N, C-alpha and C. Protein backbone atom coordinates (compact mmCIF):
# COMPACT_ATOMS: atom_id res chain seq x y z
N MET A 1 196.96 5.34 63.92
CA MET A 1 197.48 4.41 62.94
C MET A 1 197.24 4.92 61.53
N GLN A 2 196.09 5.54 61.30
CA GLN A 2 195.79 6.07 59.96
C GLN A 2 196.81 7.12 59.56
N ASP A 3 197.24 7.95 60.51
CA ASP A 3 198.26 8.96 60.20
C ASP A 3 199.56 8.29 59.79
N ASN A 4 199.91 7.21 60.46
CA ASN A 4 201.13 6.48 60.14
C ASN A 4 201.05 5.90 58.73
N LEU A 5 199.91 5.31 58.37
CA LEU A 5 199.75 4.75 57.03
C LEU A 5 199.82 5.85 55.98
N HIS A 6 199.21 6.97 56.28
CA HIS A 6 199.23 8.08 55.33
C HIS A 6 200.65 8.58 55.12
N SER A 7 201.40 8.70 56.19
CA SER A 7 202.77 9.20 56.04
C SER A 7 203.65 8.17 55.34
N LEU A 8 203.40 6.87 55.58
CA LEU A 8 204.16 5.85 54.87
C LEU A 8 203.83 5.87 53.38
N SER A 9 202.56 6.08 53.06
CA SER A 9 202.16 6.15 51.66
C SER A 9 202.83 7.33 50.97
N ARG A 10 202.86 8.44 51.67
CA ARG A 10 203.51 9.64 51.11
C ARG A 10 205.01 9.41 50.92
N LEU A 11 205.64 8.79 51.91
CA LEU A 11 207.06 8.49 51.83
C LEU A 11 207.33 7.56 50.65
N LEU A 12 206.48 6.58 50.45
CA LEU A 12 206.65 5.64 49.34
C LEU A 12 206.59 6.36 48.00
N ILE A 13 205.66 7.29 47.87
CA ILE A 13 205.55 8.07 46.64
C ILE A 13 206.83 8.89 46.41
N GLU A 14 207.32 9.52 47.46
CA GLU A 14 208.54 10.32 47.34
C GLU A 14 209.74 9.45 46.96
N LEU A 15 209.81 8.25 47.54
CA LEU A 15 210.91 7.35 47.22
C LEU A 15 210.82 6.87 45.77
N ARG A 16 209.61 6.62 45.29
CA ARG A 16 209.44 6.21 43.89
C ARG A 16 209.87 7.31 42.93
N ILE A 17 209.57 8.55 43.29
CA ILE A 17 209.99 9.68 42.45
C ILE A 17 211.51 9.78 42.44
N GLU A 18 212.12 9.66 43.61
CA GLU A 18 213.58 9.73 43.68
C GLU A 18 214.21 8.57 42.91
N HIS A 19 213.60 7.39 42.99
CA HIS A 19 214.11 6.22 42.26
C HIS A 19 214.04 6.47 40.75
N ALA A 20 212.94 7.03 40.29
CA ALA A 20 212.79 7.34 38.86
C ALA A 20 213.81 8.39 38.43
N ASP A 21 214.05 9.38 39.27
CA ASP A 21 215.07 10.39 38.97
C ASP A 21 216.45 9.76 38.84
N LEU A 22 216.76 8.84 39.75
CA LEU A 22 218.05 8.15 39.69
C LEU A 22 218.15 7.31 38.42
N ASP A 23 217.06 6.67 38.02
CA ASP A 23 217.05 5.91 36.77
C ASP A 23 217.47 6.81 35.60
N SER A 24 216.89 7.99 35.56
CA SER A 24 217.22 8.93 34.48
C SER A 24 218.69 9.36 34.54
N LEU A 25 219.17 9.66 35.74
CA LEU A 25 220.57 10.06 35.89
C LEU A 25 221.51 8.93 35.46
N ILE A 26 221.19 7.71 35.87
CA ILE A 26 222.03 6.57 35.53
C ILE A 26 222.02 6.32 34.03
N ASP A 27 220.86 6.41 33.41
CA ASP A 27 220.78 6.24 31.95
C ASP A 27 221.63 7.28 31.23
N GLY A 28 221.53 8.53 31.67
CA GLY A 28 222.31 9.59 31.05
C GLY A 28 223.79 9.43 31.29
N ALA A 29 224.16 9.05 32.50
CA ALA A 29 225.58 8.89 32.83
C ALA A 29 226.19 7.69 32.13
N SER A 30 225.39 6.68 31.85
CA SER A 30 225.91 5.47 31.20
C SER A 30 226.35 5.71 29.77
N VAL A 31 225.71 6.64 29.09
CA VAL A 31 226.03 6.89 27.69
C VAL A 31 226.93 8.10 27.50
N SER A 32 227.24 8.78 28.58
CA SER A 32 228.07 9.98 28.50
C SER A 32 229.51 9.62 28.14
N PRO A 33 230.12 10.39 27.24
CA PRO A 33 231.53 10.12 26.88
C PRO A 33 232.48 10.37 28.06
N GLU A 34 232.14 11.28 28.95
CA GLU A 34 232.98 11.56 30.13
C GLU A 34 232.46 10.79 31.34
N ARG A 35 232.12 9.54 31.14
CA ARG A 35 231.50 8.73 32.18
C ARG A 35 232.42 8.58 33.38
N ASP A 36 231.87 8.81 34.56
CA ASP A 36 232.58 8.63 35.82
C ASP A 36 232.07 7.33 36.45
N ASP A 37 232.87 6.28 36.34
CA ASP A 37 232.42 4.96 36.81
C ASP A 37 232.14 4.93 38.30
N LEU A 38 232.93 5.64 39.08
CA LEU A 38 232.71 5.66 40.52
C LEU A 38 231.37 6.33 40.85
N ALA A 39 231.11 7.45 40.22
CA ALA A 39 229.84 8.15 40.45
C ALA A 39 228.67 7.28 39.99
N LEU A 40 228.83 6.58 38.89
CA LEU A 40 227.79 5.71 38.37
C LEU A 40 227.51 4.57 39.35
N ARG A 41 228.56 3.99 39.90
CA ARG A 41 228.37 2.92 40.90
C ARG A 41 227.65 3.45 42.14
N ARG A 42 227.98 4.66 42.55
CA ARG A 42 227.32 5.25 43.72
C ARG A 42 225.84 5.50 43.44
N LEU A 43 225.53 5.98 42.25
CA LEU A 43 224.13 6.19 41.88
C LEU A 43 223.35 4.87 41.88
N LYS A 44 223.97 3.84 41.34
CA LYS A 44 223.31 2.53 41.30
C LYS A 44 223.12 1.97 42.70
N LYS A 45 224.09 2.18 43.58
CA LYS A 45 223.98 1.71 44.95
C LYS A 45 222.85 2.46 45.67
N ARG A 46 222.77 3.75 45.44
CA ARG A 46 221.69 4.55 46.04
C ARG A 46 220.33 4.09 45.53
N ARG A 47 220.25 3.81 44.23
CA ARG A 47 218.99 3.34 43.63
C ARG A 47 218.58 2.00 44.24
N LEU A 48 219.53 1.11 44.43
CA LEU A 48 219.24 -0.19 45.04
C LEU A 48 218.78 -0.02 46.49
N SER A 49 219.40 0.88 47.20
CA SER A 49 219.01 1.16 48.58
C SER A 49 217.57 1.68 48.64
N LEU A 50 217.24 2.57 47.70
CA LEU A 50 215.87 3.09 47.64
C LEU A 50 214.88 1.97 47.35
N ARG A 51 215.25 1.08 46.43
CA ARG A 51 214.37 -0.03 46.07
C ARG A 51 214.11 -0.93 47.28
N ASP A 52 215.17 -1.23 48.05
CA ASP A 52 215.00 -2.04 49.25
C ASP A 52 214.08 -1.36 50.26
N ARG A 53 214.27 -0.07 50.42
CA ARG A 53 213.43 0.68 51.37
C ARG A 53 211.97 0.71 50.90
N MET A 54 211.76 0.86 49.59
CA MET A 54 210.39 0.85 49.06
C MET A 54 209.73 -0.50 49.30
N LEU A 55 210.47 -1.57 49.11
CA LEU A 55 209.91 -2.91 49.34
C LEU A 55 209.52 -3.12 50.80
N ARG A 56 210.34 -2.62 51.72
CA ARG A 56 210.01 -2.74 53.15
C ARG A 56 208.74 -1.96 53.48
N ILE A 57 208.62 -0.76 52.93
CA ILE A 57 207.44 0.06 53.20
C ILE A 57 206.20 -0.59 52.58
N GLU A 58 206.33 -1.10 51.35
CA GLU A 58 205.19 -1.78 50.71
C GLU A 58 204.74 -2.96 51.54
N ALA A 59 205.67 -3.72 52.10
CA ALA A 59 205.32 -4.87 52.94
C ALA A 59 204.63 -4.42 54.22
N GLU A 60 205.04 -3.29 54.74
CA GLU A 60 204.42 -2.76 55.95
C GLU A 60 203.01 -2.24 55.67
N LEU A 61 202.82 -1.63 54.51
CA LEU A 61 201.50 -1.12 54.16
C LEU A 61 200.52 -2.24 53.80
N ASP A 62 201.05 -3.30 53.20
CA ASP A 62 200.20 -4.41 52.77
C ASP A 62 200.84 -5.72 53.23
N PRO A 63 200.70 -6.03 54.53
CA PRO A 63 201.38 -7.22 55.06
C PRO A 63 200.81 -8.50 54.43
N PRO A 64 201.63 -9.54 54.34
CA PRO A 64 201.14 -10.81 53.78
C PRO A 64 200.05 -11.40 54.65
N GLN A 65 199.11 -12.05 54.02
CA GLN A 65 198.00 -12.67 54.74
C GLN A 65 198.47 -13.97 55.37
N PRO A 66 198.03 -14.25 56.60
CA PRO A 66 198.41 -15.53 57.21
C PRO A 66 197.79 -16.71 56.45
N ALA A 67 198.52 -17.80 56.40
CA ALA A 67 198.03 -18.98 55.66
C ALA A 67 196.98 -19.73 56.43
């Protein structure tokens, strides 16, 4: 189980890095004069997907306490 938690923690870190990279790409693409709206929407969709995946992993690593 400890190996699983360690690998989930590592995956979460990698996803956070990728999410931050997408933030930078989206910020740059938003102000670009040759803005490609389709590509921008795809980047935003990918970023949202990463965020959802990070939330699921965070919940798995730190499950809610029973009431």
